[in-house]
Amino acid sequence: MKKITQAIQKNKGFTLIETLVSIALFTIVLVIVGGTVVSVIDINKRNQLVSSVVNNLNYSIDSMVRDIKTGYLYKCDYTGTMTVTGLKDSAEDDSGKCIDSITLISTISGEDIVVKYRFVKAEGVNNGYIEKTIYKNAVPSIYSITDKKNVSIDSVNLTIKSPDALECKGEVCDYGQPSVFVVIKGLAGNQSVQASKFYVQTYISQRVINITDFNDAN
């Protein structure tokens, strides 16, 4: 009888306390693992959003760079006649540092069109966006090339080197190659997207087949 009792005691299961402790430990581990997984998913989502914002910003700036690269007659803060003829007839020397805007004759569409890029400050704050104006028809087309919601630009500086500014010796002029040095500073992101500072610095050299033809046209 004693042997049977000992066998029963040896084969008994977990006590209620042991079961509760096991469940509690399992719950704690599950909560920690679940929190980690949710955190990783959230971080990955934010990184994807930031990456999307930065990619869109790069695309916008690249489109402006291509437009300037294939254009001609760069002007700083130009306020004259916004036509191809008016820009060509302009005698003002705009070589040097531009503040906030650049006007040029764009050829990227296959025809000569006056285009203006301008840094617009948002109301009440210093940050803003880059605006593009196309002077093709009687009513200019104006739109922002940067994301107003997720990109906040602090400053845009452009330094123009125009062939018109180079010294001429007698009747011979060394026109050189027009170029634009661009510096853009700002912040990519908003309350829902982790903000990241950006600093874009690029040198744009003109890619026109015969540069002197445009100077002769002036």
N, C-alpha and C. Protein backbone atom coordinates (compact mmCIF):
# COMPACT_ATOMS: atom_id res chain seq x y z
N MET A 1 0.83 -1.20 0.00
CA MET A 1 0.00 0.00 0.00
C MET A 1 0.86 1.25 0.00
N LYS A 2 1.92 1.20 0.72
CA LYS A 2 2.85 2.31 0.80
C LYS A 2 3.49 2.59 -0.53
N LYS A 3 3.80 1.51 -1.28
CA LYS A 3 4.44 1.66 -2.59
C LYS A 3 3.48 2.31 -3.58
N ILE A 4 2.18 1.96 -3.53
CA ILE A 4 1.19 2.54 -4.43
C ILE A 4 1.04 4.03 -4.18
N THR A 5 1.02 4.43 -2.88
CA THR A 5 0.90 5.85 -2.50
C THR A 5 2.08 6.64 -3.02
N GLN A 6 3.28 6.10 -2.90
CA GLN A 6 4.50 6.77 -3.38
C GLN A 6 4.45 6.94 -4.90
N ALA A 7 3.93 5.94 -5.60
CA ALA A 7 3.84 6.02 -7.07
C ALA A 7 2.89 7.11 -7.49
N ILE A 8 1.76 7.21 -6.77
CA ILE A 8 0.78 8.26 -7.07
C ILE A 8 1.37 9.64 -6.84
N GLN A 9 2.14 9.83 -5.74
CA GLN A 9 2.78 11.12 -5.43
C GLN A 9 3.81 11.50 -6.47
N LYS A 10 4.51 10.49 -6.99
CA LYS A 10 5.53 10.78 -8.01
C LYS A 10 4.90 11.21 -9.34
N ASN A 11 3.72 10.74 -9.68
CA ASN A 11 3.07 11.01 -10.96
C ASN A 11 2.09 12.20 -10.90
N LYS A 12 2.06 12.94 -9.81
CA LYS A 12 1.12 14.06 -9.71
C LYS A 12 1.55 15.20 -10.65
N GLY A 13 0.57 16.05 -11.17
CA GLY A 13 0.85 17.13 -12.12
C GLY A 13 1.29 18.42 -11.44
N PHE A 14 1.22 19.57 -12.23
CA PHE A 14 1.61 20.87 -11.70
C PHE A 14 0.57 21.37 -10.71
N THR A 15 1.05 22.10 -9.75
CA THR A 15 0.13 22.71 -8.80
C THR A 15 -0.47 23.95 -9.43
N LEU A 16 -1.52 24.51 -8.82
CA LEU A 16 -2.18 25.70 -9.35
C LEU A 16 -1.23 26.90 -9.37
N ILE A 17 -0.41 27.02 -8.34
CA ILE A 17 0.54 28.14 -8.25
C ILE A 17 1.57 28.05 -9.38
N GLU A 18 2.07 26.84 -9.63
CA GLU A 18 3.06 26.66 -10.70
C GLU A 18 2.45 27.01 -12.05
N THR A 19 1.21 26.62 -12.24
CA THR A 19 0.52 26.92 -13.51
C THR A 19 0.35 28.43 -13.71
N LEU A 20 -0.07 29.11 -12.62
CA LEU A 20 -0.27 30.57 -12.69
C LEU A 20 1.04 31.30 -12.96
N VAL A 21 2.12 30.84 -12.32
CA VAL A 21 3.44 31.45 -12.53
C VAL A 21 3.88 31.27 -13.98
N SER A 22 3.67 30.08 -14.53
CA SER A 22 4.05 29.80 -15.92
C SER A 22 3.28 30.68 -16.89
N ILE A 23 1.97 30.81 -16.64
CA ILE A 23 1.14 31.66 -17.51
C ILE A 23 1.60 33.12 -17.44
N ALA A 24 1.91 33.57 -16.22
CA ALA A 24 2.35 34.96 -16.03
C ALA A 24 3.65 35.22 -16.79
N LEU A 25 4.62 34.29 -16.67
CA LEU A 25 5.90 34.44 -17.38
C LEU A 25 5.70 34.43 -18.89
N PHE A 26 4.84 33.52 -19.35
CA PHE A 26 4.57 33.44 -20.80
C PHE A 26 3.93 34.74 -21.31
N THR A 27 3.01 35.31 -20.50
CA THR A 27 2.34 36.56 -20.88
C THR A 27 3.34 37.70 -20.97
N ILE A 28 4.26 37.78 -19.99
CA ILE A 28 5.28 38.84 -19.99
C ILE A 28 6.16 38.73 -21.23
N VAL A 29 6.61 37.51 -21.54
CA VAL A 29 7.46 37.30 -22.72
C VAL A 29 6.70 37.67 -23.99
N LEU A 30 5.42 37.30 -24.05
CA LEU A 30 4.60 37.58 -25.23
C LEU A 30 4.42 39.09 -25.43
N VAL A 31 4.20 39.81 -24.32
CA VAL A 31 4.04 41.27 -24.40
C VAL A 31 5.32 41.94 -24.89
N ILE A 32 6.47 41.50 -24.36
CA ILE A 32 7.76 42.06 -24.77
C ILE A 32 8.03 41.81 -26.25
N VAL A 33 7.82 40.57 -26.68
CA VAL A 33 8.05 40.21 -28.08
C VAL A 33 7.08 40.97 -29.00
N GLY A 34 5.81 41.04 -28.57
CA GLY A 34 4.81 41.76 -29.38
C GLY A 34 5.15 43.23 -29.51
N GLY A 35 5.59 43.86 -28.40
CA GLY A 35 5.98 45.27 -28.43
C GLY A 35 7.16 45.51 -29.35
N THR A 36 8.12 44.58 -29.32
CA THR A 36 9.30 44.70 -30.19
C THR A 36 8.92 44.61 -31.66
N VAL A 37 8.04 43.65 -31.97
CA VAL A 37 7.59 43.48 -33.36
C VAL A 37 6.85 44.72 -33.85
N VAL A 38 5.95 45.26 -33.02
CA VAL A 38 5.20 46.46 -33.39
C VAL A 38 6.15 47.64 -33.59
N SER A 39 7.17 47.76 -32.71
CA SER A 39 8.14 48.84 -32.81
C SER A 39 8.95 48.74 -34.10
N VAL A 40 9.36 47.53 -34.46
CA VAL A 40 10.12 47.31 -35.69
C VAL A 40 9.28 47.67 -36.91
N ILE A 41 8.01 47.26 -36.90
CA ILE A 41 7.11 47.57 -38.01
C ILE A 41 6.92 49.08 -38.14
N ASP A 42 6.75 49.76 -37.00
CA ASP A 42 6.55 51.22 -37.00
C ASP A 42 7.79 51.94 -37.53
N ILE A 43 8.97 51.51 -37.09
CA ILE A 43 10.22 52.12 -37.56
C ILE A 43 10.39 51.90 -39.06
N ASN A 44 10.09 50.69 -39.51
CA ASN A 44 10.20 50.38 -40.94
C ASN A 44 9.24 51.23 -41.77
N LYS A 45 8.03 51.43 -41.24
CA LYS A 45 7.04 52.25 -41.93
C LYS A 45 7.51 53.70 -42.03
N ARG A 46 8.05 54.22 -40.92
CA ARG A 46 8.56 55.60 -40.92
C ARG A 46 9.73 55.75 -41.89
N ASN A 47 10.62 54.77 -41.91
CA ASN A 47 11.77 54.82 -42.82
C ASN A 47 11.31 54.82 -44.27
N GLN A 48 10.28 54.03 -44.57
CA GLN A 48 9.74 53.99 -45.93
C GLN A 48 9.13 55.33 -46.32
N LEU A 49 8.43 55.98 -45.36
CA LEU A 49 7.83 57.28 -45.62
C LEU A 49 8.90 58.34 -45.87
N VAL A 50 9.94 58.33 -45.02
CA VAL A 50 11.05 59.28 -45.19
C VAL A 50 11.74 59.06 -46.53
N SER A 51 11.98 57.77 -46.86
CA SER A 51 12.61 57.44 -48.13
C SER A 51 11.78 57.93 -49.31
N SER A 52 10.46 57.78 -49.21
CA SER A 52 9.57 58.24 -50.28
C SER A 52 9.63 59.75 -50.43
N VAL A 53 9.63 60.47 -49.30
CA VAL A 53 9.70 61.94 -49.33
C VAL A 53 11.01 62.40 -49.96
N VAL A 54 12.12 61.79 -49.54
CA VAL A 54 13.44 62.16 -50.06
C VAL A 54 13.55 61.84 -51.55
N ASN A 55 13.01 60.70 -51.97
CA ASN A 55 13.04 60.34 -53.40
C ASN A 55 12.25 61.34 -54.24
N ASN A 56 11.08 61.74 -53.73
CA ASN A 56 10.28 62.74 -54.44
C ASN A 56 11.00 64.08 -54.51
N LEU A 57 11.69 64.44 -53.42
CA LEU A 57 12.46 65.68 -53.41
C LEU A 57 13.59 65.62 -54.43
N ASN A 58 14.31 64.50 -54.46
CA ASN A 58 15.40 64.33 -55.43
C ASN A 58 14.89 64.43 -56.86
N TYR A 59 13.72 63.83 -57.12
CA TYR A 59 13.14 63.88 -58.46
C TYR A 59 12.80 65.32 -58.84
N SER A 60 12.23 66.08 -57.89
CA SER A 60 11.86 67.47 -58.16
C SER A 60 13.08 68.32 -58.48
N ILE A 61 14.14 68.15 -57.67
CA ILE A 61 15.35 68.93 -57.89
C ILE A 61 16.03 68.52 -59.20
N ASP A 62 16.01 67.21 -59.50
CA ASP A 62 16.60 66.72 -60.75
C ASP A 62 15.88 67.31 -61.96
N SER A 63 14.55 67.45 -61.88
CA SER A 63 13.80 68.02 -62.99
C SER A 63 14.18 69.48 -63.21
N MET A 64 14.43 70.23 -62.11
CA MET A 64 14.85 71.62 -62.22
C MET A 64 16.26 71.69 -62.80
N VAL A 65 17.14 70.80 -62.36
CA VAL A 65 18.52 70.77 -62.85
C VAL A 65 18.55 70.49 -64.36
N ARG A 66 17.74 69.52 -64.81
CA ARG A 66 17.69 69.19 -66.25
C ARG A 66 17.18 70.38 -67.06
N ASP A 67 16.19 71.09 -66.51
CA ASP A 67 15.63 72.25 -67.20
C ASP A 67 16.68 73.35 -67.36
N ILE A 68 17.43 73.61 -66.27
CA ILE A 68 18.47 74.63 -66.33
C ILE A 68 19.61 74.20 -67.24
N LYS A 69 19.99 72.94 -67.15
CA LYS A 69 21.12 72.42 -67.93
C LYS A 69 20.89 72.57 -69.43
N THR A 70 19.65 72.32 -69.88
CA THR A 70 19.35 72.37 -71.31
C THR A 70 18.82 73.74 -71.75
N GLY A 71 18.74 74.71 -70.82
CA GLY A 71 18.25 76.04 -71.14
C GLY A 71 19.37 77.02 -71.42
N TYR A 72 19.00 78.29 -71.62
CA TYR A 72 20.01 79.33 -71.86
C TYR A 72 19.47 80.69 -71.45
N LEU A 73 20.34 81.70 -71.48
CA LEU A 73 20.03 83.05 -71.02
C LEU A 73 19.53 83.07 -69.58
N TYR A 74 20.39 82.66 -68.65
CA TYR A 74 20.04 82.64 -67.23
C TYR A 74 19.98 84.07 -66.69
N LYS A 75 18.93 84.39 -65.96
CA LYS A 75 18.76 85.72 -65.37
C LYS A 75 18.38 85.60 -63.89
N CYS A 76 18.95 86.49 -63.07
CA CYS A 76 18.61 86.55 -61.64
C CYS A 76 17.44 87.50 -61.42
N ASP A 77 16.44 87.04 -60.69
CA ASP A 77 15.32 87.91 -60.27
C ASP A 77 14.81 88.77 -61.43
N TYR A 78 14.64 88.18 -62.57
CA TYR A 78 14.22 88.92 -63.77
C TYR A 78 12.77 89.36 -63.66
N THR A 79 12.50 90.65 -63.95
CA THR A 79 11.14 91.20 -63.85
C THR A 79 10.72 91.86 -65.16
N GLY A 80 11.49 91.65 -66.21
CA GLY A 80 11.17 92.27 -67.51
C GLY A 80 10.10 91.51 -68.26
N THR A 81 10.14 91.63 -69.58
CA THR A 81 9.15 90.98 -70.43
C THR A 81 9.35 89.47 -70.42
N MET A 82 8.35 88.74 -69.96
CA MET A 82 8.48 87.29 -69.83
C MET A 82 8.17 86.58 -71.14
N THR A 83 8.93 86.93 -72.17
CA THR A 83 8.83 86.26 -73.46
C THR A 83 10.24 85.93 -73.92
N VAL A 84 10.35 85.02 -74.86
CA VAL A 84 11.67 84.64 -75.38
C VAL A 84 12.36 85.86 -75.98
N THR A 85 11.62 86.66 -76.76
CA THR A 85 12.18 87.87 -77.37
C THR A 85 12.58 88.87 -76.30
N GLY A 86 11.69 89.05 -75.30
CA GLY A 86 11.98 90.00 -74.23
C GLY A 86 13.22 89.62 -73.45
N LEU A 87 13.39 88.31 -73.20
CA LEU A 87 14.56 87.86 -72.45
C LEU A 87 15.83 88.04 -73.26
N LYS A 88 15.75 87.78 -74.57
CA LYS A 88 16.92 87.96 -75.45
C LYS A 88 17.31 89.42 -75.59
N ASP A 89 16.29 90.30 -75.57
CA ASP A 89 16.55 91.73 -75.72
C ASP A 89 17.04 92.37 -74.43
N SER A 90 16.96 91.63 -73.31
CA SER A 90 17.40 92.18 -72.02
C SER A 90 18.91 92.36 -72.01
N ALA A 91 19.34 93.57 -71.70
CA ALA A 91 20.78 93.88 -71.71
C ALA A 91 21.40 93.76 -70.32
N GLU A 92 20.58 93.51 -69.32
CA GLU A 92 21.10 93.48 -67.96
C GLU A 92 22.05 92.29 -67.76
N ASP A 93 23.08 92.53 -66.98
CA ASP A 93 24.08 91.50 -66.69
C ASP A 93 23.70 90.82 -65.39
N ASP A 94 23.35 89.55 -65.48
CA ASP A 94 22.86 88.85 -64.30
C ASP A 94 23.84 87.83 -63.76
N SER A 95 25.10 87.93 -64.15
CA SER A 95 26.08 87.00 -63.57
C SER A 95 26.28 87.34 -62.11
N GLY A 96 26.43 86.34 -61.29
CA GLY A 96 26.63 86.55 -59.87
C GLY A 96 25.68 85.73 -59.04
N LYS A 97 25.47 86.13 -57.81
CA LYS A 97 24.65 85.35 -56.89
C LYS A 97 23.19 85.76 -56.96
N CYS A 98 22.34 84.78 -57.24
CA CYS A 98 20.90 85.03 -57.27
C CYS A 98 20.32 84.77 -55.89
N ILE A 99 19.32 85.55 -55.53
CA ILE A 99 18.62 85.31 -54.27
C ILE A 99 17.20 84.85 -54.61
N ASP A 100 16.95 83.61 -54.35
CA ASP A 100 15.60 83.04 -54.41
C ASP A 100 15.06 82.68 -55.79
N SER A 101 15.56 83.25 -56.89
CA SER A 101 14.93 82.94 -58.17
C SER A 101 15.91 82.97 -59.34
N ILE A 102 15.53 82.26 -60.40
CA ILE A 102 16.29 82.25 -61.64
C ILE A 102 15.30 82.13 -62.80
N THR A 103 15.51 82.94 -63.84
CA THR A 103 14.67 82.90 -65.04
C THR A 103 15.54 82.50 -66.22
N LEU A 104 15.01 81.68 -67.11
CA LEU A 104 15.78 81.19 -68.25
C LEU A 104 14.86 80.82 -69.39
N ILE A 105 15.46 80.57 -70.55
CA ILE A 105 14.71 80.04 -71.68
C ILE A 105 14.94 78.54 -71.71
N SER A 106 13.87 77.79 -71.46
CA SER A 106 13.95 76.33 -71.40
C SER A 106 13.77 75.73 -72.79
N THR A 107 14.53 74.68 -73.09
CA THR A 107 14.42 73.99 -74.38
C THR A 107 14.08 72.51 -74.19
N ILE A 108 13.83 72.10 -72.95
CA ILE A 108 13.66 70.67 -72.65
C ILE A 108 12.42 70.08 -73.30
N SER A 109 11.43 70.92 -73.60
CA SER A 109 10.19 70.43 -74.22
C SER A 109 10.28 70.37 -75.74
N GLY A 110 11.40 70.84 -76.30
CA GLY A 110 11.55 70.85 -77.75
C GLY A 110 11.31 72.20 -78.37
N GLU A 111 10.85 73.16 -77.57
CA GLU A 111 10.66 74.53 -78.05
C GLU A 111 11.13 75.50 -76.97
N ASP A 112 11.45 76.72 -77.39
CA ASP A 112 11.94 77.73 -76.45
C ASP A 112 10.77 78.30 -75.64
N ILE A 113 10.86 78.14 -74.31
CA ILE A 113 9.82 78.63 -73.41
C ILE A 113 10.48 79.31 -72.22
N VAL A 114 9.97 80.46 -71.83
CA VAL A 114 10.49 81.16 -70.66
C VAL A 114 9.99 80.47 -69.39
N VAL A 115 10.93 80.14 -68.51
CA VAL A 115 10.61 79.44 -67.26
C VAL A 115 11.27 80.18 -66.10
N LYS A 116 10.56 80.25 -65.00
CA LYS A 116 11.12 80.89 -63.79
C LYS A 116 10.98 79.96 -62.60
N TYR A 117 12.09 79.75 -61.88
CA TYR A 117 12.07 79.00 -60.63
C TYR A 117 12.26 79.99 -59.49
N ARG A 118 11.41 79.89 -58.48
CA ARG A 118 11.46 80.87 -57.38
C ARG A 118 11.22 80.18 -56.05
N PHE A 119 12.01 80.60 -55.04
CA PHE A 119 11.81 80.11 -53.68
C PHE A 119 10.74 80.97 -53.02
N VAL A 120 9.66 80.33 -52.58
CA VAL A 120 8.55 81.04 -51.95
C VAL A 120 8.52 80.69 -50.47
N LYS A 121 8.58 81.70 -49.63
CA LYS A 121 8.52 81.47 -48.19
C LYS A 121 7.08 81.29 -47.75
N ALA A 122 6.87 80.30 -46.87
CA ALA A 122 5.52 80.05 -46.36
C ALA A 122 5.10 81.20 -45.45
N GLU A 123 3.80 81.41 -45.36
CA GLU A 123 3.27 82.52 -44.57
C GLU A 123 3.62 82.40 -43.10
N GLY A 124 4.19 83.46 -42.53
CA GLY A 124 4.47 83.51 -41.09
C GLY A 124 5.72 82.78 -40.64
N VAL A 125 6.37 82.02 -41.54
CA VAL A 125 7.59 81.30 -41.17
C VAL A 125 8.63 81.49 -42.26
N ASN A 126 9.84 81.05 -41.97
CA ASN A 126 10.93 81.22 -42.93
C ASN A 126 10.96 80.11 -43.98
N ASN A 127 10.33 78.97 -43.66
CA ASN A 127 10.39 77.83 -44.57
C ASN A 127 9.42 78.01 -45.73
N GLY A 128 9.69 77.29 -46.81
CA GLY A 128 8.82 77.42 -47.96
C GLY A 128 9.01 76.32 -48.98
N TYR A 129 8.80 76.64 -50.25
CA TYR A 129 8.85 75.65 -51.32
C TYR A 129 9.39 76.29 -52.59
N ILE A 130 9.70 75.46 -53.59
CA ILE A 130 10.19 75.96 -54.87
C ILE A 130 9.03 75.97 -55.86
N GLU A 131 8.81 77.13 -56.43
CA GLU A 131 7.70 77.32 -57.36
C GLU A 131 8.24 77.45 -58.79
N LYS A 132 7.53 76.83 -59.73
CA LYS A 132 7.90 76.93 -61.13
C LYS A 132 6.80 77.65 -61.90
N THR A 133 7.20 78.62 -62.74
CA THR A 133 6.25 79.34 -63.58
C THR A 133 6.65 79.17 -65.04
N ILE A 134 5.71 78.75 -65.87
CA ILE A 134 5.94 78.56 -67.29
C ILE A 134 5.19 79.66 -68.06
N TYR A 135 5.94 80.49 -68.78
CA TYR A 135 5.34 81.59 -69.54
C TYR A 135 5.21 81.17 -71.01
N LYS A 136 4.24 80.31 -71.26
CA LYS A 136 4.02 79.81 -72.62
C LYS A 136 2.80 80.46 -73.25
N ASN A 137 1.73 80.58 -72.49
CA ASN A 137 0.49 81.18 -72.99
C ASN A 137 0.27 82.55 -72.33
N ALA A 138 -0.86 83.16 -72.63
CA ALA A 138 -1.17 84.48 -72.05
C ALA A 138 -1.26 84.40 -70.53
N VAL A 139 -1.77 83.24 -70.04
CA VAL A 139 -1.86 83.04 -68.59
C VAL A 139 -0.75 82.07 -68.17
N PRO A 140 0.21 82.52 -67.35
CA PRO A 140 1.32 81.65 -66.93
C PRO A 140 0.84 80.46 -66.10
N SER A 141 1.52 79.33 -66.23
CA SER A 141 1.23 78.15 -65.42
C SER A 141 2.15 78.17 -64.21
N ILE A 142 1.55 78.18 -63.01
CA ILE A 142 2.33 78.28 -61.77
C ILE A 142 2.01 77.08 -60.88
N TYR A 143 3.05 76.40 -60.43
CA TYR A 143 2.84 75.27 -59.51
C TYR A 143 4.12 75.00 -58.71
N SER A 144 3.95 74.30 -57.61
CA SER A 144 5.09 73.96 -56.75
C SER A 144 5.72 72.66 -57.23
N ILE A 145 7.05 72.64 -57.31
CA ILE A 145 7.73 71.41 -57.72
C ILE A 145 8.16 70.58 -56.52
N THR A 146 8.05 71.14 -55.32
CA THR A 146 8.39 70.40 -54.10
C THR A 146 7.13 70.17 -53.27
N ASP A 147 7.14 69.12 -52.48
CA ASP A 147 6.00 68.73 -51.65
C ASP A 147 5.84 69.73 -50.50
N LYS A 148 4.78 70.53 -50.54
CA LYS A 148 4.56 71.53 -49.50
C LYS A 148 4.29 70.91 -48.14
N LYS A 149 3.69 69.72 -48.13
CA LYS A 149 3.29 69.08 -46.87
C LYS A 149 4.47 68.42 -46.16
N ASN A 150 5.31 67.74 -46.91
CA ASN A 150 6.37 66.93 -46.30
C ASN A 150 7.78 67.49 -46.47
N VAL A 151 7.92 68.57 -47.24
CA VAL A 151 9.24 69.18 -47.45
C VAL A 151 9.16 70.66 -47.12
N SER A 152 10.05 71.11 -46.26
CA SER A 152 10.10 72.52 -45.88
C SER A 152 11.49 73.05 -46.21
N ILE A 153 11.57 73.96 -47.17
CA ILE A 153 12.85 74.48 -47.63
C ILE A 153 13.20 75.77 -46.88
N ASP A 154 14.42 75.83 -46.38
CA ASP A 154 14.90 77.01 -45.63
C ASP A 154 15.44 78.09 -46.55
N SER A 155 16.23 77.69 -47.55
CA SER A 155 16.86 78.67 -48.43
C SER A 155 17.24 78.05 -49.76
N VAL A 156 17.27 78.90 -50.79
CA VAL A 156 17.71 78.50 -52.13
C VAL A 156 18.64 79.58 -52.65
N ASN A 157 19.88 79.21 -52.95
CA ASN A 157 20.86 80.16 -53.48
C ASN A 157 21.40 79.64 -54.80
N LEU A 158 21.47 80.53 -55.79
CA LEU A 158 21.98 80.15 -57.10
C LEU A 158 23.05 81.15 -57.52
N THR A 159 24.18 80.65 -57.97
CA THR A 159 25.25 81.51 -58.47
C THR A 159 25.40 81.26 -59.96
N ILE A 160 25.15 82.31 -60.75
CA ILE A 160 25.18 82.20 -62.21
C ILE A 160 26.51 82.70 -62.77
N LYS A 161 27.05 81.94 -63.70
CA LYS A 161 28.21 82.39 -64.48
C LYS A 161 27.73 82.51 -65.91
N SER A 162 27.54 83.76 -66.36
CA SER A 162 27.00 84.00 -67.70
C SER A 162 28.13 84.34 -68.66
N PRO A 163 28.08 83.84 -69.90
CA PRO A 163 29.12 84.17 -70.87
C PRO A 163 29.14 85.66 -71.22
N ASP A 164 27.99 86.35 -71.03
CA ASP A 164 27.93 87.78 -71.33
C ASP A 164 28.84 88.59 -70.41
N ALA A 165 29.18 88.00 -69.25
CA ALA A 165 29.96 88.75 -68.27
C ALA A 165 31.46 88.61 -68.47
N LEU A 166 31.87 87.68 -69.33
CA LEU A 166 33.30 87.47 -69.54
C LEU A 166 33.87 88.59 -70.40
N GLU A 167 35.13 88.88 -70.18
CA GLU A 167 35.76 90.03 -70.83
C GLU A 167 36.00 89.78 -72.32
N CYS A 168 35.72 90.79 -73.12
CA CYS A 168 35.97 90.72 -74.56
C CYS A 168 37.19 91.57 -74.90
N LYS A 169 38.07 91.06 -75.71
CA LYS A 169 39.27 91.79 -76.15
C LYS A 169 39.06 92.21 -77.59
N GLY A 170 38.75 93.50 -77.77
CA GLY A 170 38.44 93.98 -79.10
C GLY A 170 37.11 93.43 -79.57
N GLU A 171 37.10 92.83 -80.72
CA GLU A 171 35.87 92.24 -81.27
C GLU A 171 35.77 90.75 -80.97
N VAL A 172 36.78 90.21 -80.31
CA VAL A 172 36.79 88.78 -80.00
C VAL A 172 36.38 88.58 -78.55
N CYS A 173 35.36 87.79 -78.35
CA CYS A 173 34.87 87.51 -77.00
C CYS A 173 34.97 86.01 -76.70
N ASP A 174 35.46 85.71 -75.53
CA ASP A 174 35.51 84.31 -75.08
C ASP A 174 34.23 84.05 -74.29
N TYR A 175 33.23 83.49 -74.96
CA TYR A 175 31.93 83.33 -74.32
C TYR A 175 31.98 82.29 -73.19
N GLY A 176 32.80 81.29 -73.32
CA GLY A 176 32.87 80.29 -72.28
C GLY A 176 31.60 79.44 -72.23
N GLN A 177 31.36 78.82 -71.10
CA GLN A 177 30.18 77.98 -70.92
C GLN A 177 29.39 78.46 -69.72
N PRO A 178 28.13 78.85 -69.91
CA PRO A 178 27.29 79.28 -68.79
C PRO A 178 27.12 78.15 -67.78
N SER A 179 26.99 78.51 -66.53
CA SER A 179 26.81 77.50 -65.49
C SER A 179 26.04 78.10 -64.31
N VAL A 180 25.46 77.22 -63.51
CA VAL A 180 24.72 77.64 -62.32
C VAL A 180 25.10 76.73 -61.16
N PHE A 181 25.46 77.34 -60.05
CA PHE A 181 25.78 76.59 -58.83
C PHE A 181 24.60 76.74 -57.88
N VAL A 182 24.00 75.61 -57.50
CA VAL A 182 22.76 75.62 -56.70
C VAL A 182 23.00 75.05 -55.30
N VAL A 183 22.49 75.75 -54.30
CA VAL A 183 22.54 75.27 -52.91
C VAL A 183 21.13 75.37 -52.32
N ILE A 184 20.60 74.24 -51.86
CA ILE A 184 19.26 74.20 -51.27
C ILE A 184 19.34 73.54 -49.90
N LYS A 185 18.77 74.22 -48.90
CA LYS A 185 18.75 73.69 -47.53
C LYS A 185 17.31 73.56 -47.06
N GLY A 186 17.05 72.53 -46.24
CA GLY A 186 15.69 72.39 -45.73
C GLY A 186 15.49 71.18 -44.86
N LEU A 187 14.23 70.83 -44.67
CA LEU A 187 13.84 69.72 -43.80
C LEU A 187 12.82 68.86 -44.53
N ALA A 188 13.08 67.54 -44.58
CA ALA A 188 12.15 66.61 -45.21
C ALA A 188 11.42 65.84 -44.12
N GLY A 189 10.10 65.96 -44.08
CA GLY A 189 9.32 65.27 -43.05
C GLY A 189 8.34 66.21 -42.37
N ASN A 190 7.39 65.62 -41.62
CA ASN A 190 6.42 66.40 -40.85
C ASN A 190 6.10 65.64 -39.56
N GLN A 191 4.95 65.92 -38.95
CA GLN A 191 4.62 65.27 -37.68
C GLN A 191 4.45 63.76 -37.82
N SER A 192 3.96 63.31 -38.98
CA SER A 192 3.74 61.87 -39.18
C SER A 192 4.96 61.17 -39.78
N VAL A 193 5.90 61.96 -40.30
CA VAL A 193 7.10 61.40 -40.90
C VAL A 193 8.32 61.97 -40.18
N GLN A 194 9.23 61.10 -39.78
CA GLN A 194 10.42 61.54 -39.07
C GLN A 194 11.19 62.55 -39.91
N ALA A 195 11.42 63.74 -39.35
CA ALA A 195 12.06 64.82 -40.09
C ALA A 195 13.57 64.58 -40.24
N SER A 196 14.08 64.90 -41.42
CA SER A 196 15.51 64.77 -41.69
C SER A 196 16.00 66.03 -42.41
N LYS A 197 17.08 66.58 -41.94
CA LYS A 197 17.65 67.76 -42.60
C LYS A 197 18.32 67.35 -43.90
N PHE A 198 18.24 68.20 -44.90
CA PHE A 198 18.94 67.92 -46.16
C PHE A 198 19.68 69.16 -46.63
N TYR A 199 20.76 68.92 -47.33
CA TYR A 199 21.60 69.99 -47.89
C TYR A 199 22.01 69.55 -49.29
N VAL A 200 21.42 70.20 -50.29
CA VAL A 200 21.70 69.84 -51.69
C VAL A 200 22.64 70.88 -52.29
N GLN A 201 23.71 70.40 -52.87
CA GLN A 201 24.68 71.29 -53.51
C GLN A 201 25.04 70.67 -54.86
N THR A 202 24.76 71.39 -55.94
CA THR A 202 25.03 70.83 -57.26
C THR A 202 25.50 71.90 -58.22
N TYR A 203 26.36 71.50 -59.14
CA TYR A 203 26.89 72.41 -60.16
C TYR A 203 26.29 72.03 -61.50
N ILE A 204 25.65 72.97 -62.16
CA ILE A 204 24.98 72.71 -63.43
C ILE A 204 25.72 73.44 -64.55
N SER A 205 26.26 72.71 -65.49
CA SER A 205 26.89 73.32 -66.66
C SER A 205 25.96 73.17 -67.86
N GLN A 206 25.85 74.21 -68.62
CA GLN A 206 24.91 74.23 -69.74
C GLN A 206 25.27 73.18 -70.79
N ARG A 207 24.26 72.54 -71.36
CA ARG A 207 24.47 71.52 -72.38
C ARG A 207 23.75 71.93 -73.67
N VAL A 208 24.19 73.02 -74.26
CA VAL A 208 23.64 73.49 -75.52
C VAL A 208 24.69 73.23 -76.60
N ILE A 209 24.27 72.79 -77.79
CA ILE A 209 25.22 72.38 -78.84
C ILE A 209 26.15 73.52 -79.23
N ASN A 210 25.60 74.70 -79.54
CA ASN A 210 26.41 75.82 -79.93
C ASN A 210 26.04 77.03 -79.08
N ILE A 211 26.83 77.28 -78.06
CA ILE A 211 26.52 78.33 -77.10
C ILE A 211 26.60 79.70 -77.76
N THR A 212 27.56 79.92 -78.66
CA THR A 212 27.77 81.26 -79.23
C THR A 212 26.58 81.70 -80.08
N ASP A 213 25.82 80.76 -80.64
CA ASP A 213 24.64 81.14 -81.44
C ASP A 213 23.65 81.94 -80.62
N PHE A 214 23.50 81.56 -79.34
CA PHE A 214 22.54 82.25 -78.49
C PHE A 214 23.05 83.64 -78.12
N ASN A 215 24.35 83.78 -77.95
CA ASN A 215 24.92 85.09 -77.65
C ASN A 215 24.81 86.00 -78.87
N ASP A 216 25.03 85.46 -80.07
CA ASP A 216 24.90 86.24 -81.29
C ASP A 216 23.47 86.70 -81.50
N ALA A 217 22.51 85.86 -81.01
CA ALA A 217 21.09 86.19 -81.16
C ALA A 217 20.71 87.39 -80.32
N ASN A 218 21.50 87.64 -79.24
CA ASN A 218 21.22 88.78 -78.38
C ASN A 218 21.58 90.09 -79.07
